[in-house]
């Protein structure tokens, strides 16, 4: 069987394992916030790997009901790469009184340079957001640079809130930096890890 991963059904464990000639994740850097305006990755994103993975763990904002967002740098000092994106979200309240699955029309971007919202989160002591974002072939100067994210947060009045965002940086320049922030206030606490995926 070829590919990066395969379902291990031979022993009915349901585990996912790497197959022969598959890839290996390499941890490149870890950033931990402490009342930080943002977490920026201004290095380690180059042609070394075809895929980069950001894992965010319990990112907690200083402000309430704020968006966790991402933006990309395309060779300058600013994180403002032109993007076209799409997004949908689903939520469920603890007491089962409210549910939703919807396309988030207000969160997509059509050839804009602003930050892409990837989650919403509250700032109660036990509220945070965790998730991941993949960035594909950021060093290409031929193709657009695709990304996709999935997040889960504890938001507002006891909501489990999952959001799915994807899009592409519509630039010919390489993407060489990625920045995460909240729409207002600081990243009070949280960790983001950057991995590269390459041949094993």
C-alpha atoms as a PDB file:
ATOM      1  CA  UNK A   1       0.000   0.000   0.000  1.00  0.00           C
ATOM      2  CA  UNK A   2       1.367   3.419  -0.904  1.00  0.00           C
ATOM      3  CA  UNK A   3       0.718   6.847   0.537  1.00  0.00           C
ATOM      4  CA  UNK A   4       1.600   8.693   3.716  1.00  0.00           C
ATOM      5  CA  UNK A   5      -0.669   6.793   6.101  1.00  0.00           C
ATOM      6  CA  UNK A   6      -2.730   3.615   6.029  1.00  0.00           C
ATOM      7  CA  UNK A   7      -5.448   2.222   8.220  1.00  0.00           C
ATOM      8  CA  UNK A   8      -4.165  -0.624  10.371  1.00  0.00           C
ATOM      9  CA  UNK A   9      -7.065  -3.004   9.994  1.00  0.00           C
ATOM     10  CA  UNK A  10      -5.107  -6.241  10.043  1.00  0.00           C
ATOM     11  CA  UNK A  11      -5.363  -6.538  13.812  1.00  0.00           C
ATOM     12  CA  UNK A  12      -8.605  -4.537  14.135  1.00  0.00           C
ATOM     13  CA  UNK A  13      -6.970  -1.905  16.309  1.00  0.00           C
ATOM     14  CA  UNK A  14      -8.120   0.993  14.148  1.00  0.00           C
ATOM     15  CA  UNK A  15      -4.773   2.714  14.698  1.00  0.00           C
ATOM     16  CA  UNK A  16      -3.187   4.811  11.977  1.00  0.00           C
ATOM     17  CA  UNK A  17       0.423   4.039  11.209  1.00  0.00           C
ATOM     18  CA  UNK A  18       3.071   5.336   8.843  1.00  0.00           C
ATOM     19  CA  UNK A  19       3.710   3.068   5.866  1.00  0.00           C
ATOM     20  CA  UNK A  20       6.942   2.223   4.111  1.00  0.00           C
ATOM     21  CA  UNK A  21       8.483   5.257   2.382  1.00  0.00           C
ATOM     22  CA  UNK A  22       6.095   7.508   4.291  1.00  0.00           C
ATOM     23  CA  UNK A  23       6.866  10.863   5.825  1.00  0.00           C
ATOM     24  CA  UNK A  24       8.105  11.907   9.245  1.00  0.00           C
ATOM     25  CA  UNK A  25       7.135  14.960  11.298  1.00  0.00           C
ATOM     26  CA  UNK A  26      10.042  17.063  12.531  1.00  0.00           C
ATOM     27  CA  UNK A  27       9.473  19.539  15.345  1.00  0.00           C
ATOM     28  CA  UNK A  28      11.101  22.800  14.241  1.00  0.00           C
ATOM     29  CA  UNK A  29      10.208  25.199  17.038  1.00  0.00           C
ATOM     30  CA  UNK A  30       7.862  25.771  19.977  1.00  0.00           C
ATOM     31  CA  UNK A  31       6.520  29.184  20.978  1.00  0.00           C
ATOM     32  CA  UNK A  32       4.787  29.802  24.296  1.00  0.00           C
ATOM     33  CA  UNK A  33       2.741  32.941  24.876  1.00  0.00           C
ATOM     34  CA  UNK A  34       2.584  35.000  28.039  1.00  0.00           C
ATOM     35  CA  UNK A  35       0.507  38.147  27.528  1.00  0.00           C
ATOM     36  CA  UNK A  36       1.903  38.234  23.977  1.00  0.00           C
ATOM     37  CA  UNK A  37       0.473  40.472  21.249  1.00  0.00           C
ATOM     38  CA  UNK A  38       0.961  37.614  18.777  1.00  0.00           C
ATOM     39  CA  UNK A  39       2.942  34.476  18.065  1.00  0.00           C
ATOM     40  CA  UNK A  40       4.916  34.909  14.846  1.00  0.00           C
ATOM     41  CA  UNK A  41       6.989  32.367  12.964  1.00  0.00           C
ATOM     42  CA  UNK A  42       9.473  34.415  10.947  1.00  0.00           C
ATOM     43  CA  UNK A  43      11.918  31.583  10.235  1.00  0.00           C
ATOM     44  CA  UNK A  44      11.936  27.813   9.554  1.00  0.00           C
ATOM     45  CA  UNK A  45       9.356  28.197   6.752  1.00  0.00           C
ATOM     46  CA  UNK A  46      11.244  27.582   3.511  1.00  0.00           C
ATOM     47  CA  UNK A  47      11.834  24.936   0.854  1.00  0.00           C
ATOM     48  CA  UNK A  48      13.115  22.336   3.331  1.00  0.00           C
ATOM     49  CA  UNK A  49       9.672  20.709   3.675  1.00  0.00           C
ATOM     50  CA  UNK A  50       6.678  20.520   1.322  1.00  0.00           C
ATOM     51  CA  UNK A  51       4.183  20.658   4.213  1.00  0.00           C
ATOM     52  CA  UNK A  52       4.251  22.621   7.465  1.00  0.00           C
ATOM     53  CA  UNK A  53       1.960  21.969  10.419  1.00  0.00           C
ATOM     54  CA  UNK A  54       1.140  24.379  13.231  1.00  0.00           C
ATOM     55  CA  UNK A  55      -0.406  22.858  16.355  1.00  0.00           C
ATOM     56  CA  UNK A  56      -1.939  25.324  18.816  1.00  0.00           C
ATOM     57  CA  UNK A  57      -2.612  24.114  22.333  1.00  0.00           C
ATOM     58  CA  UNK A  58      -4.877  25.860  24.852  1.00  0.00           C
ATOM     59  CA  UNK A  59      -4.458  29.391  23.503  1.00  0.00           C
ATOM     60  CA  UNK A  60      -6.251  31.659  25.966  1.00  0.00           C
ATOM     61  CA  UNK A  61      -7.113  35.304  25.199  1.00  0.00           C
ATOM     62  CA  UNK A  62      -7.067  38.307  27.485  1.00  0.00           C
ATOM     63  CA  UNK A  63     -10.331  39.554  25.942  1.00  0.00           C
ATOM     64  CA  UNK A  64     -13.722  37.851  25.806  1.00  0.00           C
ATOM     65  CA  UNK A  65     -15.491  36.635  22.644  1.00  0.00           C
ATOM     66  CA  UNK A  66     -12.499  37.324  20.412  1.00  0.00           C
ATOM     67  CA  UNK A  67     -11.397  35.719  17.167  1.00  0.00           C
ATOM     68  CA  UNK A  68      -8.254  33.609  16.932  1.00  0.00           C
ATOM     69  CA  UNK A  69      -6.761  34.508  13.563  1.00  0.00           C
ATOM     70  CA  UNK A  70      -3.880  33.892  11.176  1.00  0.00           C
ATOM     71  CA  UNK A  71      -2.046  35.851   8.523  1.00  0.00           C
ATOM     72  CA  UNK A  72       0.889  35.215   6.201  1.00  0.00           C
ATOM     73  CA  UNK A  73       4.040  37.046   5.139  1.00  0.00           C
ATOM     74  CA  UNK A  74       5.150  36.976   1.501  1.00  0.00           C
ATOM     75  CA  UNK A  75       8.681  38.320   1.611  1.00  0.00           C
ATOM     76  CA  UNK A  76       8.155  41.735   3.168  1.00  0.00           C
ATOM     77  CA  UNK A  77       7.989  42.575   6.870  1.00  0.00           C
ATOM     78  CA  UNK A  78       4.186  42.713   6.976  1.00  0.00           C
ATOM     79  CA  UNK A  79       1.827  39.790   7.499  1.00  0.00           C
ATOM     80  CA  UNK A  80      -0.630  40.770   4.776  1.00  0.00           C
ATOM     81  CA  UNK A  81      -0.495  38.264   1.921  1.00  0.00           C
ATOM     82  CA  UNK A  82      -3.497  38.412  -0.441  1.00  0.00           C
ATOM     83  CA  UNK A  83      -5.888  35.542   0.290  1.00  0.00           C
ATOM     84  CA  UNK A  84      -9.104  33.941  -0.923  1.00  0.00           C
ATOM     85  CA  UNK A  85     -10.714  31.717   1.710  1.00  0.00           C
ATOM     86  CA  UNK A  86     -13.798  29.820   2.787  1.00  0.00           C
ATOM     87  CA  UNK A  87     -15.084  28.771   6.217  1.00  0.00           C
ATOM     88  CA  UNK A  88     -17.805  26.871   8.035  1.00  0.00           C
ATOM     89  CA  UNK A  89     -18.555  26.270  11.696  1.00  0.00           C
ATOM     90  CA  UNK A  90     -20.544  24.050  14.017  1.00  0.00           C
ATOM     91  CA  UNK A  91     -21.506  24.488  17.657  1.00  0.00           C
ATOM     92  CA  UNK A  92     -23.393  22.674  20.408  1.00  0.00           C
ATOM     93  CA  UNK A  93     -24.408  24.043  23.804  1.00  0.00           C
ATOM     94  CA  UNK A  94     -23.812  22.088  27.005  1.00  0.00           C
ATOM     95  CA  UNK A  95     -27.514  21.928  27.924  1.00  0.00           C
ATOM     96  CA  UNK A  96     -28.449  20.807  24.374  1.00  0.00           C
ATOM     97  CA  UNK A  97     -30.578  23.914  23.848  1.00  0.00           C
ATOM     98  CA  UNK A  98     -28.741  25.208  20.760  1.00  0.00           C
ATOM     99  CA  UNK A  99     -26.926  23.687  17.793  1.00  0.00           C
ATOM    100  CA  UNK A 100     -25.801  24.937  14.409  1.00  0.00           C
ATOM    101  CA  UNK A 101     -23.929  23.928  11.254  1.00  0.00           C
ATOM    102  CA  UNK A 102     -23.412  26.847   8.882  1.00  0.00           C
ATOM    103  CA  UNK A 103     -21.248  28.442   6.229  1.00  0.00           C
ATOM    104  CA  UNK A 104     -19.608  31.470   7.857  1.00  0.00           C
ATOM    105  CA  UNK A 105     -20.174  34.059   5.140  1.00  0.00           C
ATOM    106  CA  UNK A 106     -18.792  36.875   7.276  1.00  0.00           C
ATOM    107  CA  UNK A 107     -15.478  35.120   7.836  1.00  0.00           C
ATOM    108  CA  UNK A 108     -14.399  34.359   4.274  1.00  0.00           C
ATOM    109  CA  UNK A 109     -12.010  36.595   2.363  1.00  0.00           C
ATOM    110  CA  UNK A 110     -12.131  37.452  -1.355  1.00  0.00           C
ATOM    111  CA  UNK A 111      -8.703  38.690  -2.457  1.00  0.00           C
ATOM    112  CA  UNK A 112      -8.113  40.500   0.815  1.00  0.00           C
ATOM    113  CA  UNK A 113      -5.054  41.069   2.971  1.00  0.00           C
ATOM    114  CA  UNK A 114      -6.655  41.007   6.422  1.00  0.00           C
ATOM    115  CA  UNK A 115      -6.268  38.227   8.976  1.00  0.00           C
ATOM    116  CA  UNK A 116      -8.308  35.052   8.541  1.00  0.00           C
ATOM    117  CA  UNK A 117     -10.485  34.124  11.520  1.00  0.00           C
ATOM    118  CA  UNK A 118     -10.006  30.473  12.393  1.00  0.00           C
ATOM    119  CA  UNK A 119     -11.840  30.325  15.753  1.00  0.00           C
ATOM    120  CA  UNK A 120     -13.789  32.242  18.369  1.00  0.00           C
ATOM    121  CA  UNK A 121     -13.111  31.795  22.079  1.00  0.00           C
ATOM    122  CA  UNK A 122     -14.057  33.168  25.482  1.00  0.00           C
ATOM    123  CA  UNK A 123     -11.674  34.185  28.243  1.00  0.00           C
ATOM    124  CA  UNK A 124     -13.108  32.478  31.319  1.00  0.00           C
ATOM    125  CA  UNK A 125     -10.384  30.710  33.272  1.00  0.00           C
ATOM    126  CA  UNK A 126     -11.213  27.343  31.690  1.00  0.00           C
ATOM    127  CA  UNK A 127     -11.799  28.586  28.126  1.00  0.00           C
ATOM    128  CA  UNK A 128      -9.260  28.235  25.318  1.00  0.00           C
ATOM    129  CA  UNK A 129      -8.812  27.165  21.693  1.00  0.00           C
ATOM    130  CA  UNK A 130      -6.781  24.275  20.316  1.00  0.00           C
ATOM    131  CA  UNK A 131      -6.321  23.016  16.784  1.00  0.00           C
ATOM    132  CA  UNK A 132      -4.057  22.826  13.771  1.00  0.00           C
ATOM    133  CA  UNK A 133      -3.188  24.572  10.526  1.00  0.00           C
ATOM    134  CA  UNK A 134      -1.484  23.025   7.487  1.00  0.00           C
ATOM    135  CA  UNK A 135       0.488  25.121   5.001  1.00  0.00           C
ATOM    136  CA  UNK A 136       1.398  23.464   1.696  1.00  0.00           C
ATOM    137  CA  UNK A 137       4.520  24.152  -0.370  1.00  0.00           C
ATOM    138  CA  UNK A 138       5.009  27.705   0.901  1.00  0.00           C
ATOM    139  CA  UNK A 139       8.198  28.265  -1.115  1.00  0.00           C
ATOM    140  CA  UNK A 140       6.534  27.795  -4.496  1.00  0.00           C
ATOM    141  CA  UNK A 141       6.852  30.754  -6.834  1.00  0.00           C
ATOM    142  CA  UNK A 142       4.617  29.052  -9.419  1.00  0.00           C
ATOM    143  CA  UNK A 143       1.485  28.010  -7.556  1.00  0.00           C
ATOM    144  CA  UNK A 144      -0.764  29.612  -4.981  1.00  0.00           C
ATOM    145  CA  UNK A 145      -0.024  28.556  -1.397  1.00  0.00           C
ATOM    146  CA  UNK A 146      -2.864  26.496   0.093  1.00  0.00           C
ATOM    147  CA  UNK A 147      -3.677  26.282   3.795  1.00  0.00           C
ATOM    148  CA  UNK A 148      -6.365  24.663   5.881  1.00  0.00           C
ATOM    149  CA  UNK A 149      -7.186  24.716   9.578  1.00  0.00           C
ATOM    150  CA  UNK A 150      -9.437  23.016  12.082  1.00  0.00           C
ATOM    151  CA  UNK A 151     -10.007  24.381  15.556  1.00  0.00           C
ATOM    152  CA  UNK A 152     -12.077  23.639  18.607  1.00  0.00           C
ATOM    153  CA  UNK A 153     -12.851  26.114  21.354  1.00  0.00           C
ATOM    154  CA  UNK A 154     -14.866  26.542  24.523  1.00  0.00           C
ATOM    155  CA  UNK A 155     -16.787  29.728  23.891  1.00  0.00           C
ATOM    156  CA  UNK A 156     -19.271  31.988  25.614  1.00  0.00           C
ATOM    157  CA  UNK A 157     -22.123  30.489  27.594  1.00  0.00           C
ATOM    158  CA  UNK A 158     -20.967  26.846  27.547  1.00  0.00           C
ATOM    159  CA  UNK A 159     -20.623  26.189  23.805  1.00  0.00           C
ATOM    160  CA  UNK A 160     -18.445  23.570  22.125  1.00  0.00           C
ATOM    161  CA  UNK A 161     -17.458  25.400  18.936  1.00  0.00           C
ATOM    162  CA  UNK A 162     -15.601  23.841  15.959  1.00  0.00           C
ATOM    163  CA  UNK A 163     -14.491  25.846  12.941  1.00  0.00           C
ATOM    164  CA  UNK A 164     -13.022  24.814   9.598  1.00  0.00           C
ATOM    165  CA  UNK A 165     -11.187  27.353   7.419  1.00  0.00           C
ATOM    166  CA  UNK A 166      -9.235  26.935   4.198  1.00  0.00           C
ATOM    167  CA  UNK A 167      -7.926  29.018   1.366  1.00  0.00           C
ATOM    168  CA  UNK A 168      -4.900  30.071  -0.589  1.00  0.00           C
ATOM    169  CA  UNK A 169      -2.412  32.901  -0.581  1.00  0.00           C
ATOM    170  CA  UNK A 170      -2.777  34.252  -4.102  1.00  0.00           C
ATOM    171  CA  UNK A 171       0.778  35.494  -4.524  1.00  0.00           C
ATOM    172  CA  UNK A 172       3.703  34.412  -6.687  1.00  0.00           C
ATOM    173  CA  UNK A 173       6.194  35.129  -3.920  1.00  0.00           C
ATOM    174  CA  UNK A 174       7.045  32.470  -1.360  1.00  0.00           C
ATOM    175  CA  UNK A 175       5.309  32.525   2.007  1.00  0.00           C
ATOM    176  CA  UNK A 176       8.083  32.846   4.588  1.00  0.00           C
ATOM    177  CA  UNK A 177       6.226  33.781   7.776  1.00  0.00           C
ATOM    178  CA  UNK A 178       3.001  32.999   9.638  1.00  0.00           C
ATOM    179  CA  UNK A 179       1.453  34.997  12.476  1.00  0.00           C
ATOM    180  CA  UNK A 180      -1.270  34.036  14.979  1.00  0.00           C
ATOM    181  CA  UNK A 181      -3.110  36.565  17.125  1.00  0.00           C
ATOM    182  CA  UNK A 182      -6.451  37.435  18.680  1.00  0.00           C
ATOM    183  CA  UNK A 183      -8.660  40.106  17.127  1.00  0.00           C
ATOM    184  CA  UNK A 184      -8.193  42.226  20.245  1.00  0.00           C
ATOM    185  CA  UNK A 185      -6.077  41.944  23.354  1.00  0.00           C
ATOM    186  CA  UNK A 186      -3.193  39.569  23.957  1.00  0.00           C
ATOM    187  CA  UNK A 187      -2.550  35.851  23.838  1.00  0.00           C
ATOM    188  CA  UNK A 188      -2.647  35.494  27.595  1.00  0.00           C
ATOM    189  CA  UNK A 189      -1.314  31.929  27.496  1.00  0.00           C
ATOM    190  CA  UNK A 190      -0.882  29.055  25.045  1.00  0.00           C
ATOM    191  CA  UNK A 191       1.623  27.082  23.002  1.00  0.00           C
ATOM    192  CA  UNK A 192       2.078  26.765  19.235  1.00  0.00           C
ATOM    193  CA  UNK A 193       4.365  24.118  17.752  1.00  0.00           C
ATOM    194  CA  UNK A 194       5.698  24.172  14.190  1.00  0.00           C
ATOM    195  CA  UNK A 195       6.472  20.901  12.406  1.00  0.00           C
ATOM    196  CA  UNK A 196       7.845  20.112   8.960  1.00  0.00           C
ATOM    197  CA  UNK A 197       6.803  16.992   7.048  1.00  0.00           C
ATOM    198  CA  UNK A 198       9.423  15.404   4.849  1.00  0.00           C
ATOM    199  CA  UNK A 199      10.623  12.024   3.641  1.00  0.00           C
ATOM    200  CA  UNK A 200      11.572   9.591   6.365  1.00  0.00           C
END
